All heavy atoms as atom14 arrays in JSON, in Angstrom:
{
  "sequence": "GPQSPKNSMGKVAALAYVRYKSGRKPIAYVSLDNCSKNGEKLQSS",
  "atom14_mask": [
    [1, 1, 1, 1, 0, 0, 0, 0, 0, 0, 0, 0, 0, 0],
    [1, 1, 1, 1, 1, 1, 1, 0, 0, 0, 0, 0, 0, 0],
    [1, 1, 1, 1, 1, 1, 1, 1, 1, 0, 0, 0, 0, 0],
    [1, 1, 1, 1, 1, 1, 0, 0, 0, 0, 0, 0, 0, 0],
    [1, 1, 1, 1, 1, 1, 1, 0, 0, 0, 0, 0, 0, 0],
    [1, 1, 1, 1, 1, 1, 1, 1, 1, 0, 0, 0, 0, 0],
    [1, 1, 1, 1, 1, 1, 1, 1, 0, 0, 0, 0, 0, 0],
    [1, 1, 1, 1, 1, 1, 0, 0, 0, 0, 0, 0, 0, 0],
    [1, 1, 1, 1, 1, 1, 1, 1, 0, 0, 0, 0, 0, 0],
    [1, 1, 1, 1, 0, 0, 0, 0, 0, 0, 0, 0, 0, 0],
    [1, 1, 1, 1, 1, 1, 1, 1, 1, 0, 0, 0, 0, 0],
    [1, 1, 1, 1, 1, 1, 1, 0, 0, 0, 0, 0, 0, 0],
    [1, 1, 1, 1, 1, 0, 0, 0, 0, 0, 0, 0, 0, 0],
    [1, 1, 1, 1, 1, 0, 0, 0, 0, 0, 0, 0, 0, 0],
    [1, 1, 1, 1, 1, 1, 1, 1, 0, 0, 0, 0, 0, 0],
    [1, 1, 1, 1, 1, 0, 0, 0, 0, 0, 0, 0, 0, 0],
    [1, 1, 1, 1, 1, 1, 1, 1, 1, 1, 1, 1, 0, 0],
    [1, 1, 1, 1, 1, 1, 1, 0, 0, 0, 0, 0, 0, 0],
    [1, 1, 1, 1, 1, 1, 1, 1, 1, 1, 1, 0, 0, 0],
    [1, 1, 1, 1, 1, 1, 1, 1, 1, 1, 1, 1, 0, 0],
    [1, 1, 1, 1, 1, 1, 1, 1, 1, 0, 0, 0, 0, 0],
    [1, 1, 1, 1, 1, 1, 0, 0, 0, 0, 0, 0, 0, 0],
    [1, 1, 1, 1, 0, 0, 0, 0, 0, 0, 0, 0, 0, 0],
    [1, 1, 1, 1, 1, 1, 1, 1, 1, 1, 1, 0, 0, 0],
    [1, 1, 1, 1, 1, 1, 1, 1, 1, 0, 0, 0, 0, 0],
    [1, 1, 1, 1, 1, 1, 1, 0, 0, 0, 0, 0, 0, 0],
    [1, 1, 1, 1, 1, 1, 1, 1, 0, 0, 0, 0, 0, 0],
    [1, 1, 1, 1, 1, 0, 0, 0, 0, 0, 0, 0, 0, 0],
    [1, 1, 1, 1, 1, 1, 1, 1, 1, 1, 1, 1, 0, 0],
    [1, 1, 1, 1, 1, 1, 1, 0, 0, 0, 0, 0, 0, 0],
    [1, 1, 1, 1, 1, 1, 0, 0, 0, 0, 0, 0, 0, 0],
    [1, 1, 1, 1, 1, 1, 1, 1, 0, 0, 0, 0, 0, 0],
    [1, 1, 1, 1, 1, 1, 1, 1, 0, 0, 0, 0, 0, 0],
    [1, 1, 1, 1, 1, 1, 1, 1, 0, 0, 0, 0, 0, 0],
    [1, 1, 1, 1, 1, 1, 0, 0, 0, 0, 0, 0, 0, 0],
    [1, 1, 1, 1, 1, 1, 0, 0, 0, 0, 0, 0, 0, 0],
    [1, 1, 1, 1, 1, 1, 1, 1, 1, 0, 0, 0, 0, 0],
    [1, 1, 1, 1, 1, 1, 1, 1, 0, 0, 0, 0, 0, 0],
    [1, 1, 1, 1, 0, 0, 0, 0, 0, 0, 0, 0, 0, 0],
    [1, 1, 1, 1, 1, 1, 1, 1, 1, 0, 0, 0, 0, 0],
    [1, 1, 1, 1, 1, 1, 1, 1, 1, 0, 0, 0, 0, 0],
    [1, 1, 1, 1, 1, 1, 1, 1, 0, 0, 0, 0, 0, 0],
    [1, 1, 1, 1, 1, 1, 1, 1, 1, 0, 0, 0, 0, 0],
    [1, 1, 1, 1, 1, 1, 0, 0, 0, 0, 0, 0, 0, 0],
    [1, 1, 1, 1, 1, 1, 0, 0, 0, 0, 0, 0, 0, 0]
  ],
  "atom14_positions": [
    [[0.82, -1.19, -0.01], [0.0, -0.03, -0.02], [0.85, 1.23, 0.0], [2.09, 1.19, -0.14], [0.0, 0.0, 0.0], [0.0, 0.0, 0.0], [0.0, 0.0, 0.0], [0.0, 0.0, 0.0], [0.0, 0.0, 0.0], [0.0, 0.0, 0.0], [0.0, 0.0, 0.0], [0.0, 0.0, 0.0], [0.0, 0.0, 0.0], [0.0, 0.0, 0.0]],
    [[0.24, 2.4, 0.18], [0.9, 3.68, 0.05], [1.78, 4.09, 1.22], [2.3, 5.2, 1.23], [-0.26, 4.71, -0.15], [-1.39, 4.08, 0.57], [-1.22, 2.62, 0.36], [0.0, 0.0, 0.0], [0.0, 0.0, 0.0], [0.0, 0.0, 0.0], [0.0, 0.0, 0.0], [0.0, 0.0, 0.0], [0.0, 0.0, 0.0], [0.0, 0.0, 0.0]],
    [[1.97, 3.25, 2.18], [2.72, 3.64, 3.43], [4.19, 3.77, 3.2], [4.83, 4.7, 3.78], [2.4, 2.68, 4.56], [0.89, 2.54, 4.95], [0.34, 3.95, 5.17], [0.87, 4.7, 5.94], [-0.83, 4.21, 4.52], [0.0, 0.0, 0.0], [0.0, 0.0, 0.0], [0.0, 0.0, 0.0], [0.0, 0.0, 0.0], [0.0, 0.0, 0.0]],
    [[4.84, 2.87, 2.45], [6.27, 2.94, 2.28], [6.71, 2.4, 0.87], [7.31, 1.41, 0.76], [6.98, 2.04, 3.31], [6.43, 0.77, 3.35], [0.0, 0.0, 0.0], [0.0, 0.0, 0.0], [0.0, 0.0, 0.0], [0.0, 0.0, 0.0], [0.0, 0.0, 0.0], [0.0, 0.0, 0.0], [0.0, 0.0, 0.0], [0.0, 0.0, 0.0]],
    [[6.27, 3.17, -0.17], [6.54, 2.74, -1.54], [8.04, 2.73, -1.9], [8.79, 3.53, -1.34], [5.78, 3.77, -2.38], [5.72, 5.02, -1.51], [5.59, 4.46, -0.14], [0.0, 0.0, 0.0], [0.0, 0.0, 0.0], [0.0, 0.0, 0.0], [0.0, 0.0, 0.0], [0.0, 0.0, 0.0], [0.0, 0.0, 0.0], [0.0, 0.0, 0.0]],
    [[8.44, 1.79, -2.76], [9.84, 1.7, -3.24], [10.02, 2.11, -4.75], [11.07, 2.68, -5.1], [10.32, 0.31, -2.99], [10.31, -0.17, -1.56], [11.4, 0.47, -0.75], [11.53, -0.17, 0.64], [10.44, 0.15, 1.56], [0.0, 0.0, 0.0], [0.0, 0.0, 0.0], [0.0, 0.0, 0.0], [0.0, 0.0, 0.0], [0.0, 0.0, 0.0]],
    [[9.07, 1.73, -5.51], [9.16, 2.07, -6.98], [8.75, 3.44, -7.29], [7.93, 3.98, -6.53], [8.22, 1.0, -7.72], [8.19, 1.27, -9.17], [7.29, 1.96, -9.66], [9.07, 0.67, -9.95], [0.0, 0.0, 0.0], [0.0, 0.0, 0.0], [0.0, 0.0, 0.0], [0.0, 0.0, 0.0], [0.0, 0.0, 0.0], [0.0, 0.0, 0.0]],
    [[9.25, 4.01, -8.34], [8.93, 5.42, -8.67], [7.45, 5.72, -8.82], [6.93, 6.65, -8.14], [9.63, 5.8, -10.01], [11.03, 5.83, -9.83], [0.0, 0.0, 0.0], [0.0, 0.0, 0.0], [0.0, 0.0, 0.0], [0.0, 0.0, 0.0], [0.0, 0.0, 0.0], [0.0, 0.0, 0.0], [0.0, 0.0, 0.0], [0.0, 0.0, 0.0]],
    [[6.77, 4.84, -9.51], [5.39, 5.11, -9.71], [4.57, 4.8, -8.47], [3.54, 5.51, -8.16], [4.77, 4.23, -10.82], [5.3, 4.67, -12.25], [4.64, 6.3, -12.82], [6.06, 7.39, -12.37], [0.0, 0.0, 0.0], [0.0, 0.0, 0.0], [0.0, 0.0, 0.0], [0.0, 0.0, 0.0], [0.0, 0.0, 0.0], [0.0, 0.0, 0.0]],
    [[5.06, 3.94, -7.54], [4.41, 3.72, -6.3], [4.56, 4.99, -5.43], [3.58, 5.32, -4.68], [0.0, 0.0, 0.0], [0.0, 0.0, 0.0], [0.0, 0.0, 0.0], [0.0, 0.0, 0.0], [0.0, 0.0, 0.0], [0.0, 0.0, 0.0], [0.0, 0.0, 0.0], [0.0, 0.0, 0.0], [0.0, 0.0, 0.0], [0.0, 0.0, 0.0]],
    [[5.7, 5.59, -5.47], [5.88, 6.83, -4.69], [5.01, 7.97, -5.16], [4.36, 8.67, -4.41], [7.36, 7.23, -4.77], [8.32, 6.24, -4.18], [9.77, 6.7, -4.49], [10.8, 5.7, -4.02], [12.19, 6.06, -4.42], [0.0, 0.0, 0.0], [0.0, 0.0, 0.0], [0.0, 0.0, 0.0], [0.0, 0.0, 0.0], [0.0, 0.0, 0.0]],
    [[4.89, 8.06, -6.45], [4.04, 9.11, -6.99], [2.57, 8.89, -6.65], [1.81, 9.73, -6.25], [4.22, 9.24, -8.54], [3.25, 10.25, -9.1], [5.68, 9.68, -8.84], [0.0, 0.0, 0.0], [0.0, 0.0, 0.0], [0.0, 0.0, 0.0], [0.0, 0.0, 0.0], [0.0, 0.0, 0.0], [0.0, 0.0, 0.0], [0.0, 0.0, 0.0]],
    [[2.16, 7.6, -6.8], [0.77, 7.27, -6.47], [0.55, 7.5, -4.93], [-0.53, 7.97, -4.58], [0.48, 5.78, -6.74], [0.0, 0.0, 0.0], [0.0, 0.0, 0.0], [0.0, 0.0, 0.0], [0.0, 0.0, 0.0], [0.0, 0.0, 0.0], [0.0, 0.0, 0.0], [0.0, 0.0, 0.0], [0.0, 0.0, 0.0], [0.0, 0.0, 0.0]],
    [[1.51, 7.22, -4.1], [1.34, 7.49, -2.7], [1.18, 8.92, -2.31], [0.35, 9.37, -1.53], [2.54, 6.88, -1.88], [0.0, 0.0, 0.0], [0.0, 0.0, 0.0], [0.0, 0.0, 0.0], [0.0, 0.0, 0.0], [0.0, 0.0, 0.0], [0.0, 0.0, 0.0], [0.0, 0.0, 0.0], [0.0, 0.0, 0.0], [0.0, 0.0, 0.0]],
    [[1.96, 9.84, -3.02], [1.89, 11.25, -2.86], [0.54, 11.79, -3.43], [-0.06, 12.73, -2.81], [3.03, 11.9, -3.43], [4.36, 11.66, -2.66], [5.57, 12.11, -3.47], [4.33, 12.42, -1.27], [0.0, 0.0, 0.0], [0.0, 0.0, 0.0], [0.0, 0.0, 0.0], [0.0, 0.0, 0.0], [0.0, 0.0, 0.0], [0.0, 0.0, 0.0]],
    [[0.12, 11.18, -4.54], [-1.23, 11.57, -5.09], [-2.37, 11.2, -4.09], [-3.32, 11.95, -3.9], [-1.48, 10.8, -6.34], [0.0, 0.0, 0.0], [0.0, 0.0, 0.0], [0.0, 0.0, 0.0], [0.0, 0.0, 0.0], [0.0, 0.0, 0.0], [0.0, 0.0, 0.0], [0.0, 0.0, 0.0], [0.0, 0.0, 0.0], [0.0, 0.0, 0.0]],
    [[-2.13, 10.11, -3.38], [-3.12, 9.69, -2.36], [-3.07, 10.75, -1.17], [-4.16, 11.02, -0.62], [-2.82, 8.33, -1.84], [-3.81, 7.78, -0.83], [-5.1, 7.6, -1.18], [-3.37, 7.36, 0.45], [-5.99, 7.09, -0.29], [-4.33, 6.89, 1.38], [-5.61, 6.73, 0.93], [-6.55, 6.2, 1.89], [0.0, 0.0, 0.0], [0.0, 0.0, 0.0]],
    [[-1.91, 11.26, -0.83], [-1.81, 12.28, 0.21], [-2.7, 13.48, -0.21], [-3.41, 14.05, 0.64], [-0.38, 12.7, 0.47], [-0.24, 13.97, 1.28], [0.41, 11.57, 1.13], [0.0, 0.0, 0.0], [0.0, 0.0, 0.0], [0.0, 0.0, 0.0], [0.0, 0.0, 0.0], [0.0, 0.0, 0.0], [0.0, 0.0, 0.0], [0.0, 0.0, 0.0]],
    [[-2.56, 13.86, -1.47], [-3.36, 15.02, -1.99], [-4.88, 14.67, -1.99], [-5.66, 15.55, -1.62], [-2.86, 15.39, -3.39], [-3.48, 16.77, -3.83], [-2.67, 17.33, -4.97], [-3.16, 18.69, -5.35], [-2.85, 19.83, -4.72], [-2.09, 19.76, -3.69], [-3.38, 20.91, -5.21], [0.0, 0.0, 0.0], [0.0, 0.0, 0.0], [0.0, 0.0, 0.0]],
    [[-5.17, 13.54, -2.3], [-6.58, 13.1, -2.31], [-7.14, 13.15, -0.91], [-8.22, 13.72, -0.67], [-6.7, 11.65, -2.88], [-7.93, 10.93, -2.53], [-9.1, 11.17, -3.22], [-8.03, 9.95, -1.43], [-10.37, 10.57, -2.86], [-9.21, 9.36, -1.08], [-10.33, 9.67, -1.86], [-11.55, 9.02, -1.5], [0.0, 0.0, 0.0], [0.0, 0.0, 0.0]],
    [[-6.36, 12.63, 0.07], [-6.82, 12.62, 1.44], [-6.95, 14.01, 2.03], [-7.7, 14.23, 3.04], [-5.89, 11.8, 2.31], [-5.94, 10.23, 1.99], [-7.2, 9.66, 2.42], [-7.28, 9.37, 3.88], [-8.54, 8.68, 4.33], [0.0, 0.0, 0.0], [0.0, 0.0, 0.0], [0.0, 0.0, 0.0], [0.0, 0.0, 0.0], [0.0, 0.0, 0.0]],
    [[-6.24, 15.0, 1.48], [-6.25, 16.31, 2.03], [-7.49, 17.15, 1.5], [-7.53, 18.32, 1.78], [-4.97, 17.08, 1.7], [-4.82, 17.31, 0.3], [0.0, 0.0, 0.0], [0.0, 0.0, 0.0], [0.0, 0.0, 0.0], [0.0, 0.0, 0.0], [0.0, 0.0, 0.0], [0.0, 0.0, 0.0], [0.0, 0.0, 0.0], [0.0, 0.0, 0.0]],
    [[-8.33, 16.48, 0.78], [-9.54, 17.13, 0.27], [-9.74, 17.05, -1.26], [-10.32, 18.01, -1.81], [0.0, 0.0, 0.0], [0.0, 0.0, 0.0], [0.0, 0.0, 0.0], [0.0, 0.0, 0.0], [0.0, 0.0, 0.0], [0.0, 0.0, 0.0], [0.0, 0.0, 0.0], [0.0, 0.0, 0.0], [0.0, 0.0, 0.0], [0.0, 0.0, 0.0]],
    [[-9.3, 15.95, -1.88], [-9.49, 15.76, -3.28], [-9.04, 17.03, -4.06], [-9.67, 17.47, -5.04], [-10.89, 15.41, -3.66], [-11.41, 14.11, -3.13], [-12.86, 13.78, -3.51], [-12.96, 12.79, -4.58], [-13.19, 13.15, -5.82], [-13.32, 14.43, -6.19], [-13.27, 12.19, -6.75], [0.0, 0.0, 0.0], [0.0, 0.0, 0.0], [0.0, 0.0, 0.0]],
    [[-7.88, 17.53, -3.81], [-7.42, 18.84, -4.39], [-7.1, 18.58, -5.79], [-6.52, 17.52, -6.22], [-6.25, 19.41, -3.61], [-6.65, 19.84, -2.2], [-5.43, 20.55, -1.51], [-5.86, 21.06, -0.19], [-5.84, 20.06, 0.88], [0.0, 0.0, 0.0], [0.0, 0.0, 0.0], [0.0, 0.0, 0.0], [0.0, 0.0, 0.0], [0.0, 0.0, 0.0]],
    [[-7.33, 19.59, -6.72], [-6.99, 19.48, -8.13], [-5.5, 19.61, -8.39], [-4.74, 20.16, -7.6], [-7.7, 20.68, -8.72], [-7.92, 21.63, -7.63], [-8.02, 20.87, -6.33], [0.0, 0.0, 0.0], [0.0, 0.0, 0.0], [0.0, 0.0, 0.0], [0.0, 0.0, 0.0], [0.0, 0.0, 0.0], [0.0, 0.0, 0.0], [0.0, 0.0, 0.0]],
    [[-5.06, 18.99, -9.49], [-3.65, 18.9, -9.8], [-3.45, 18.46, -11.26], [-4.33, 17.76, -11.8], [-2.86, 17.99, -8.88], [-1.34, 18.1, -9.01], [-3.35, 16.59, -9.09], [-0.75, 19.37, -8.49], [0.0, 0.0, 0.0], [0.0, 0.0, 0.0], [0.0, 0.0, 0.0], [0.0, 0.0, 0.0], [0.0, 0.0, 0.0], [0.0, 0.0, 0.0]],
    [[-2.39, 18.86, -11.86], [-1.98, 18.41, -13.23], [-0.65, 17.63, -13.09], [0.37, 18.17, -12.53], [-1.83, 19.48, -14.22], [0.0, 0.0, 0.0], [0.0, 0.0, 0.0], [0.0, 0.0, 0.0], [0.0, 0.0, 0.0], [0.0, 0.0, 0.0], [0.0, 0.0, 0.0], [0.0, 0.0, 0.0], [0.0, 0.0, 0.0], [0.0, 0.0, 0.0]],
    [[-0.57, 16.38, -13.58], [0.65, 15.6, -13.56], [1.09, 15.57, -15.04], [0.44, 15.01, -15.9], [0.41, 14.17, -13.06], [0.01, 14.11, -11.66], [-1.38, 13.94, -11.23], [0.94, 14.23, -10.62], [-1.74, 13.89, -9.91], [0.58, 14.15, -9.26], [-0.73, 13.98, -8.95], [-1.12, 13.91, -7.58], [0.0, 0.0, 0.0], [0.0, 0.0, 0.0]],
    [[2.24, 16.2, -15.25], [2.66, 16.44, -16.63], [3.99, 15.72, -16.96], [5.07, 16.17, -16.48], [2.82, 17.98, -16.88], [3.0, 18.24, -18.42], [1.65, 18.77, -16.4], [0.0, 0.0, 0.0], [0.0, 0.0, 0.0], [0.0, 0.0, 0.0], [0.0, 0.0, 0.0], [0.0, 0.0, 0.0], [0.0, 0.0, 0.0], [0.0, 0.0, 0.0]],
    [[3.95, 14.67, -17.71], [5.15, 14.03, -18.2], [5.82, 14.86, -19.26], [5.18, 15.23, -20.28], [4.89, 12.63, -18.73], [6.04, 12.11, -19.39], [0.0, 0.0, 0.0], [0.0, 0.0, 0.0], [0.0, 0.0, 0.0], [0.0, 0.0, 0.0], [0.0, 0.0, 0.0], [0.0, 0.0, 0.0], [0.0, 0.0, 0.0], [0.0, 0.0, 0.0]],
    [[7.09, 15.16, -19.09], [7.85, 15.87, -20.12], [8.94, 14.92, -20.72], [9.92, 15.45, -21.23], [8.55, 17.08, -19.52], [7.52, 18.06, -18.83], [8.38, 19.26, -18.26], [6.56, 18.63, -19.79], [0.0, 0.0, 0.0], [0.0, 0.0, 0.0], [0.0, 0.0, 0.0], [0.0, 0.0, 0.0], [0.0, 0.0, 0.0], [0.0, 0.0, 0.0]],
    [[8.67, 13.68, -20.56], [9.67, 12.68, -21.08], [9.48, 12.49, -22.6], [8.4, 12.66, -23.12], [9.6, 11.35, -20.36], [10.38, 11.4, -19.07], [11.59, 11.47, -19.17], [9.75, 11.25, -17.99], [0.0, 0.0, 0.0], [0.0, 0.0, 0.0], [0.0, 0.0, 0.0], [0.0, 0.0, 0.0], [0.0, 0.0, 0.0], [0.0, 0.0, 0.0]],
    [[10.58, 12.12, -23.21], [10.63, 12.04, -24.66], [10.08, 10.64, -25.13], [10.85, 9.83, -25.6], [12.07, 12.21, -25.11], [12.18, 12.31, -26.64], [11.26, 12.66, -27.31], [13.42, 12.07, -27.18], [0.0, 0.0, 0.0], [0.0, 0.0, 0.0], [0.0, 0.0, 0.0], [0.0, 0.0, 0.0], [0.0, 0.0, 0.0], [0.0, 0.0, 0.0]],
    [[8.79, 10.51, -25.04], [8.12, 9.32, -25.53], [6.69, 9.65, -25.99], [6.09, 10.61, -25.42], [8.12, 8.23, -24.47], [7.48, 8.67, -22.88], [0.0, 0.0, 0.0], [0.0, 0.0, 0.0], [0.0, 0.0, 0.0], [0.0, 0.0, 0.0], [0.0, 0.0, 0.0], [0.0, 0.0, 0.0], [0.0, 0.0, 0.0], [0.0, 0.0, 0.0]],
    [[6.19, 8.92, -26.9], [4.85, 9.22, -27.44], [3.73, 8.92, -26.34], [3.92, 8.04, -25.53], [4.52, 8.3, -28.66], [5.43, 8.57, -29.65], [0.0, 0.0, 0.0], [0.0, 0.0, 0.0], [0.0, 0.0, 0.0], [0.0, 0.0, 0.0], [0.0, 0.0, 0.0], [0.0, 0.0, 0.0], [0.0, 0.0, 0.0], [0.0, 0.0, 0.0]],
    [[2.71, 9.78, -26.37], [1.6, 9.66, -25.45], [2.1, 9.56, -23.99], [1.59, 8.68, -23.21], [0.76, 8.38, -25.81], [0.22, 8.43, -27.27], [-0.63, 7.23, -27.59], [-1.15, 7.34, -29.07], [-1.93, 6.15, -29.41], [0.0, 0.0, 0.0], [0.0, 0.0, 0.0], [0.0, 0.0, 0.0], [0.0, 0.0, 0.0], [0.0, 0.0, 0.0]],
    [[3.06, 10.38, -23.61], [3.67, 10.25, -22.34], [2.62, 10.5, -21.17], [2.78, 9.82, -20.16], [4.87, 11.23, -22.19], [4.51, 12.6, -22.74], [3.4, 13.01, -22.78], [5.6, 13.35, -23.05], [0.0, 0.0, 0.0], [0.0, 0.0, 0.0], [0.0, 0.0, 0.0], [0.0, 0.0, 0.0], [0.0, 0.0, 0.0], [0.0, 0.0, 0.0]],
    [[1.66, 11.37, -21.35], [0.7, 11.53, -20.28], [-0.12, 10.31, -20.05], [-0.5, 9.99, -18.93], [0.0, 0.0, 0.0], [0.0, 0.0, 0.0], [0.0, 0.0, 0.0], [0.0, 0.0, 0.0], [0.0, 0.0, 0.0], [0.0, 0.0, 0.0], [0.0, 0.0, 0.0], [0.0, 0.0, 0.0], [0.0, 0.0, 0.0], [0.0, 0.0, 0.0]],
    [[-0.42, 9.63, -21.18], [-1.23, 8.37, -21.02], [-0.4, 7.37, -20.31], [-0.93, 6.58, -19.46], [-1.55, 7.88, -22.45], [-2.42, 6.7, -22.52], [-2.8, 6.33, -23.98], [-3.63, 7.06, -24.54], [-2.21, 5.28, -24.46], [0.0, 0.0, 0.0], [0.0, 0.0, 0.0], [0.0, 0.0, 0.0], [0.0, 0.0, 0.0], [0.0, 0.0, 0.0]],
    [[0.89, 7.24, -20.56], [1.74, 6.23, -19.91], [1.78, 6.55, -18.35], [1.72, 5.66, -17.52], [3.14, 6.33, -20.43], [3.35, 5.65, -21.78], [4.82, 5.73, -22.22], [5.09, 4.89, -23.51], [4.33, 5.33, -24.71], [0.0, 0.0, 0.0], [0.0, 0.0, 0.0], [0.0, 0.0, 0.0], [0.0, 0.0, 0.0], [0.0, 0.0, 0.0]],
    [[1.95, 7.83, -18.06], [1.99, 8.22, -16.63], [0.69, 7.91, -15.93], [0.66, 7.27, -14.79], [2.29, 9.74, -16.53], [2.25, 10.34, -15.16], [3.23, 9.67, -14.19], [2.52, 11.86, -15.2], [0.0, 0.0, 0.0], [0.0, 0.0, 0.0], [0.0, 0.0, 0.0], [0.0, 0.0, 0.0], [0.0, 0.0, 0.0], [0.0, 0.0, 0.0]],
    [[-0.47, 8.28, -16.54], [-1.74, 8.02, -15.94], [-2.0, 6.55, -15.71], [-2.47, 6.1, -14.7], [-2.88, 8.59, -16.78], [-4.25, 8.44, -16.14], [-5.37, 9.11, -17.07], [-5.13, 9.4, -18.19], [-6.54, 9.32, -16.39], [0.0, 0.0, 0.0], [0.0, 0.0, 0.0], [0.0, 0.0, 0.0], [0.0, 0.0, 0.0], [0.0, 0.0, 0.0]],
    [[-1.66, 5.76, -16.8], [-1.9, 4.35, -16.75], [-1.21, 3.69, -15.59], [-1.77, 2.87, -14.83], [-1.5, 3.71, -18.08], [-1.57, 2.29, -17.97], [0.0, 0.0, 0.0], [0.0, 0.0, 0.0], [0.0, 0.0, 0.0], [0.0, 0.0, 0.0], [0.0, 0.0, 0.0], [0.0, 0.0, 0.0], [0.0, 0.0, 0.0], [0.0, 0.0, 0.0]],
    [[0.08, 4.14, -15.36], [0.87, 3.49, -14.21], [0.34, 3.86, -12.9], [0.17, 2.98, -12.02], [2.33, 3.92, -14.4], [2.86, 3.4, -15.6], [0.0, 0.0, 0.0], [0.0, 0.0, 0.0], [0.0, 0.0, 0.0], [0.0, 0.0, 0.0], [0.0, 0.0, 0.0], [0.0, 0.0, 0.0], [0.0, 0.0, 0.0], [0.0, 0.0, 0.0]]
  ]
}
């Protein structure tokens, strides 16, 4: 679970959960990596 993540995407998901728990606050997660459909890859993970 989100208590002690080790993988990069696990860490990001855990911090997204912190934001969710603080009141479902809005946010944009923006991949700037050099790959096609990068936002879709980030969201999927």
